[in-house]
Amino acid sequence: MRYRFCGDKLQLVKYELTVTHHIDGGDADLTDKYTAANDVERDELLERYPDAVAAEIDNAGYEWLDGM
């Protein structure tokens, strides 16, 4: 189960997005990870980072916690 707090509310994280930034002239790439609690957030991140890879996180059985 993955979660985050937004103010005083608990949000289940439904998606993790991985973005790889290729650095010109460098040997290493930088990788950033972002989380999204719903489809709208995921879509906004995918618009901003079109090369991102989105993975769904299994929160089965914990849905009742979302929004508490």
C-alpha atoms as a PDB file:
ATOM      1  CA  MET A   1       0.000   0.000   0.000  1.00  0.00           C
ATOM      2  CA  ARG A   2       1.246   3.469  -0.920  1.00  0.00           C
ATOM      3  CA  TYR A   3      -0.270   6.630   0.470  1.00  0.00           C
ATOM      4  CA  ARG A   4       0.378  10.331   0.998  1.00  0.00           C
ATOM      5  CA  PHE A   5      -1.113  13.108   3.076  1.00  0.00           C
ATOM      6  CA  CYS A   6      -2.774  16.112   1.441  1.00  0.00           C
ATOM      7  CA  GLY A   7      -3.394  18.506   4.305  1.00  0.00           C
ATOM      8  CA  ASP A   8      -5.225  16.399   6.857  1.00  0.00           C
ATOM      9  CA  LYS A   9      -6.540  13.827   4.348  1.00  0.00           C
ATOM     10  CA  LEU A  10      -5.000  10.494   3.479  1.00  0.00           C
ATOM     11  CA  GLN A  11      -4.817   9.730  -0.243  1.00  0.00           C
ATOM     12  CA  LEU A  12      -4.012   6.339  -1.675  1.00  0.00           C
ATOM     13  CA  VAL A  13      -1.419   6.548  -4.415  1.00  0.00           C
ATOM     14  CA  LYS A  14      -2.779   4.785  -7.511  1.00  0.00           C
ATOM     15  CA  TYR A  15       0.089   5.473  -9.939  1.00  0.00           C
ATOM     16  CA  GLU A  16       3.837   5.911  -9.872  1.00  0.00           C
ATOM     17  CA  LEU A  17       5.413   7.625 -12.870  1.00  0.00           C
ATOM     18  CA  THR A  18       9.082   7.329 -13.722  1.00  0.00           C
ATOM     19  CA  VAL A  19      10.709  10.043 -15.817  1.00  0.00           C
ATOM     20  CA  THR A  20      14.240   9.627 -17.184  1.00  0.00           C
ATOM     21  CA  HIS A  21      16.134  12.787 -18.127  1.00  0.00           C
ATOM     22  CA  HIS A  22      18.990  12.296 -20.573  1.00  0.00           C
ATOM     23  CA  ILE A  23      21.883  14.633 -19.849  1.00  0.00           C
ATOM     24  CA  ASP A  24      23.844  15.770 -22.905  1.00  0.00           C
ATOM     25  CA  GLY A  25      27.526  14.983 -22.631  1.00  0.00           C
ATOM     26  CA  GLY A  26      27.104  13.067 -19.394  1.00  0.00           C
ATOM     27  CA  ASP A  27      27.512   9.408 -18.635  1.00  0.00           C
ATOM     28  CA  ALA A  28      24.512   9.095 -16.316  1.00  0.00           C
ATOM     29  CA  ASP A  29      20.824   9.761 -16.746  1.00  0.00           C
ATOM     30  CA  LEU A  30      18.679  11.281 -14.021  1.00  0.00           C
ATOM     31  CA  THR A  31      15.494   9.513 -12.960  1.00  0.00           C
ATOM     32  CA  ASP A  32      12.614  11.221 -11.151  1.00  0.00           C
ATOM     33  CA  LYS A  33       9.591   9.489  -9.648  1.00  0.00           C
ATOM     34  CA  TYR A  34       6.190  11.122  -9.261  1.00  0.00           C
ATOM     35  CA  THR A  35       3.007   9.841  -7.673  1.00  0.00           C
ATOM     36  CA  ALA A  36      -0.625  10.360  -8.621  1.00  0.00           C
ATOM     37  CA  ALA A  37      -3.671   9.664  -6.479  1.00  0.00           C
ATOM     38  CA  ASN A  38      -6.134   9.601  -9.377  1.00  0.00           C
ATOM     39  CA  ASP A  39      -6.452   9.427 -13.157  1.00  0.00           C
ATOM     40  CA  VAL A  40      -6.579  13.224 -13.567  1.00  0.00           C
ATOM     41  CA  GLU A  41      -3.239  13.703 -11.794  1.00  0.00           C
ATOM     42  CA  ARG A  42      -1.723  10.876 -13.823  1.00  0.00           C
ATOM     43  CA  ASP A  43      -2.912  12.430 -17.090  1.00  0.00           C
ATOM     44  CA  GLU A  44      -1.562  15.856 -16.105  1.00  0.00           C
ATOM     45  CA  LEU A  45       1.854  14.361 -15.344  1.00  0.00           C
ATOM     46  CA  LEU A  46       1.835  12.438 -18.634  1.00  0.00           C
ATOM     47  CA  GLU A  47       1.067  15.685 -20.496  1.00  0.00           C
ATOM     48  CA  ARG A  48       3.995  17.391 -18.793  1.00  0.00           C
ATOM     49  CA  TYR A  49       6.334  14.400 -19.224  1.00  0.00           C
ATOM     50  CA  PRO A  50       5.266  12.552 -22.389  1.00  0.00           C
ATOM     51  CA  ASP A  51       8.128  10.031 -22.098  1.00  0.00           C
ATOM     52  CA  ALA A  52       7.131   9.004 -18.565  1.00  0.00           C
ATOM     53  CA  VAL A  53       6.308   5.410 -17.734  1.00  0.00           C
ATOM     54  CA  ALA A  54       3.232   4.979 -15.524  1.00  0.00           C
ATOM     55  CA  ALA A  55       2.772   1.949 -13.295  1.00  0.00           C
ATOM     56  CA  GLU A  56      -0.406   1.189 -11.360  1.00  0.00           C
ATOM     57  CA  ILE A  57       0.023   0.467  -7.653  1.00  0.00           C
ATOM     58  CA  ASP A  58      -2.042  -2.319  -6.115  1.00  0.00           C
ATOM     59  CA  ASN A  59      -4.031  -0.946  -3.183  1.00  0.00           C
ATOM     60  CA  ALA A  60      -6.613  -3.713  -3.129  1.00  0.00           C
ATOM     61  CA  GLY A  61      -8.279  -3.970   0.245  1.00  0.00           C
ATOM     62  CA  TYR A  62      -7.264  -0.473   1.353  1.00  0.00           C
ATOM     63  CA  GLU A  63      -9.741   1.585  -0.691  1.00  0.00           C
ATOM     64  CA  TRP A  64     -11.718   2.409   2.456  1.00  0.00           C
ATOM     65  CA  LEU A  65      -8.762   4.484   3.734  1.00  0.00           C
ATOM     66  CA  ASP A  66      -8.833   6.899   0.790  1.00  0.00           C
ATOM     67  CA  GLY A  67      -9.976  10.358   1.870  1.00  0.00           C
ATOM     68  CA  MET A  68      -9.919   9.749   5.622  1.00  0.00           C
END
